[in-house]
Amino acid sequence: MKNFFEKLRVEDWVVVWVSIPLLLLAALIPADLPSVPATLVGEVAWYNIGLLFAIVLVVLYVGCLLLRRPLKGLLPSLVVVFAVSLLEIGRASCRERV
């Protein structure tokens, strides 16, 4: 039985296990989940960005724990990827105003 559970610890299955709570949240309370803001202006936009960052961080952390991968470097790399996506949101919103 232990071998069976070890087979479920591969990357594909970990994605499934981590996605189930996210899908349940989206199905049960969709109005309460943060959305990606169209612009970076305003408190609501930054509140949603903070919540999205926290959700992504928790999901990545759980995934790394399930895969028994080191957590070193997880936070800095997530900050960089998240910052690049925010720069793109800002660039796209500036281009729409022109």
Protein backbone atom coordinates (compact mmCIF):
# COMPACT_ATOMS: atom_id res chain seq x y z
CA MET A 1 0.00 0.00 0.00
CA LYS A 2 2.93 2.34 0.70
CA ASN A 3 4.13 1.82 -2.86
CA PHE A 4 0.68 2.87 -4.12
CA PHE A 5 0.85 6.18 -2.24
CA GLU A 6 4.39 6.80 -3.46
CA LYS A 7 3.14 6.43 -7.05
CA LEU A 8 0.65 9.24 -6.33
CA ARG A 9 3.48 11.58 -5.32
CA VAL A 10 4.63 12.20 -8.87
CA GLU A 11 4.32 15.69 -10.31
CA ASP A 12 1.17 14.98 -12.35
CA TRP A 13 -0.76 13.67 -9.37
CA VAL A 14 0.44 16.44 -7.08
CA VAL A 15 -1.03 18.95 -9.51
CA VAL A 16 -4.34 17.10 -9.25
CA TRP A 17 -4.25 17.06 -5.41
CA VAL A 18 -3.39 20.73 -5.21
CA SER A 19 -6.03 21.69 -7.79
CA ILE A 20 -8.93 20.00 -6.00
CA PRO A 21 -9.19 22.59 -3.18
CA LEU A 22 -8.86 25.41 -5.71
CA LEU A 23 -11.66 23.97 -7.83
CA LEU A 24 -13.84 23.52 -4.75
CA LEU A 25 -13.27 27.12 -3.75
CA ALA A 26 -14.15 28.31 -7.24
CA ALA A 27 -17.31 26.20 -7.27
CA LEU A 28 -18.52 26.98 -3.75
CA ILE A 29 -17.62 30.64 -3.23
CA PRO A 30 -16.73 32.20 -6.60
CA ALA A 31 -17.84 35.70 -5.60
CA ASP A 32 -15.44 35.79 -2.63
CA LEU A 33 -12.32 34.84 -4.59
CA PRO A 34 -10.00 37.60 -5.79
CA SER A 35 -9.81 38.41 -9.47
CA VAL A 36 -6.89 39.64 -11.52
CA PRO A 37 -7.23 43.42 -11.68
CA ALA A 38 -7.37 45.18 -15.03
CA THR A 39 -5.23 48.03 -13.68
CA LEU A 40 -2.86 48.48 -10.78
CA VAL A 41 -4.72 51.53 -9.47
CA GLY A 42 -6.68 51.50 -6.24
CA GLU A 43 -6.82 49.67 -2.97
CA VAL A 44 -9.09 46.91 -4.25
CA ALA A 45 -6.64 46.05 -7.03
CA TRP A 46 -3.72 45.74 -4.59
CA TYR A 47 -5.85 43.80 -2.12
CA ASN A 48 -6.69 41.29 -4.88
CA ILE A 49 -3.03 41.13 -5.90
CA GLY A 50 -2.02 40.38 -2.31
CA LEU A 51 -4.65 37.65 -1.98
CA LEU A 52 -3.67 36.08 -5.29
CA PHE A 53 -0.01 36.12 -4.24
CA ALA A 54 -0.88 34.42 -0.95
CA ILE A 55 -2.97 31.74 -2.67
CA VAL A 56 -0.25 31.01 -5.22
CA LEU A 57 2.39 30.90 -2.49
CA VAL A 58 0.38 28.40 -0.43
CA VAL A 59 -0.29 26.20 -3.47
CA LEU A 60 3.39 26.20 -4.46
CA TYR A 61 4.47 25.52 -0.88
CA VAL A 62 2.09 22.55 -0.55
CA GLY A 63 3.15 21.22 -3.94
CA CYS A 64 6.83 21.38 -3.02
CA LEU A 65 6.14 19.66 0.29
CA LEU A 66 4.21 16.86 -1.41
CA LEU A 67 6.99 16.40 -3.94
CA ARG A 68 9.60 16.60 -1.18
CA ARG A 69 11.46 19.31 -3.05
CA PRO A 70 13.55 21.94 -1.27
CA LEU A 71 11.77 25.18 -0.43
CA LYS A 72 14.94 27.23 -0.77
CA GLY A 73 14.47 29.92 -3.40
CA LEU A 74 10.71 29.43 -3.70
CA LEU A 75 9.72 32.84 -2.34
CA PRO A 76 12.26 34.94 -4.28
CA SER A 77 11.47 33.21 -7.57
CA LEU A 78 7.72 33.64 -7.00
CA VAL A 79 8.22 37.34 -6.25
CA VAL A 80 10.11 37.78 -9.53
CA VAL A 81 7.50 35.92 -11.60
CA PHE A 82 4.68 37.79 -9.89
CA ALA A 83 6.43 41.14 -10.44
CA VAL A 84 6.88 40.40 -14.15
CA SER A 85 3.17 39.61 -14.45
CA LEU A 86 2.30 42.86 -12.64
CA LEU A 87 4.55 44.80 -15.00
CA GLU A 88 2.67 43.28 -17.93
CA ILE A 89 -0.69 44.20 -16.38
CA GLY A 90 0.57 47.77 -15.91
CA ARG A 91 1.92 47.94 -19.44
CA ALA A 92 -1.32 46.61 -20.92
CA SER A 93 -3.45 49.07 -18.93
CA CYS A 94 -1.25 52.00 -20.05
CA ARG A 95 -1.53 50.92 -23.68
CA GLU A 96 -5.35 50.79 -23.43
CA ARG A 97 -5.45 54.41 -22.24
CA VAL A 98 -3.48 55.68 -25.26
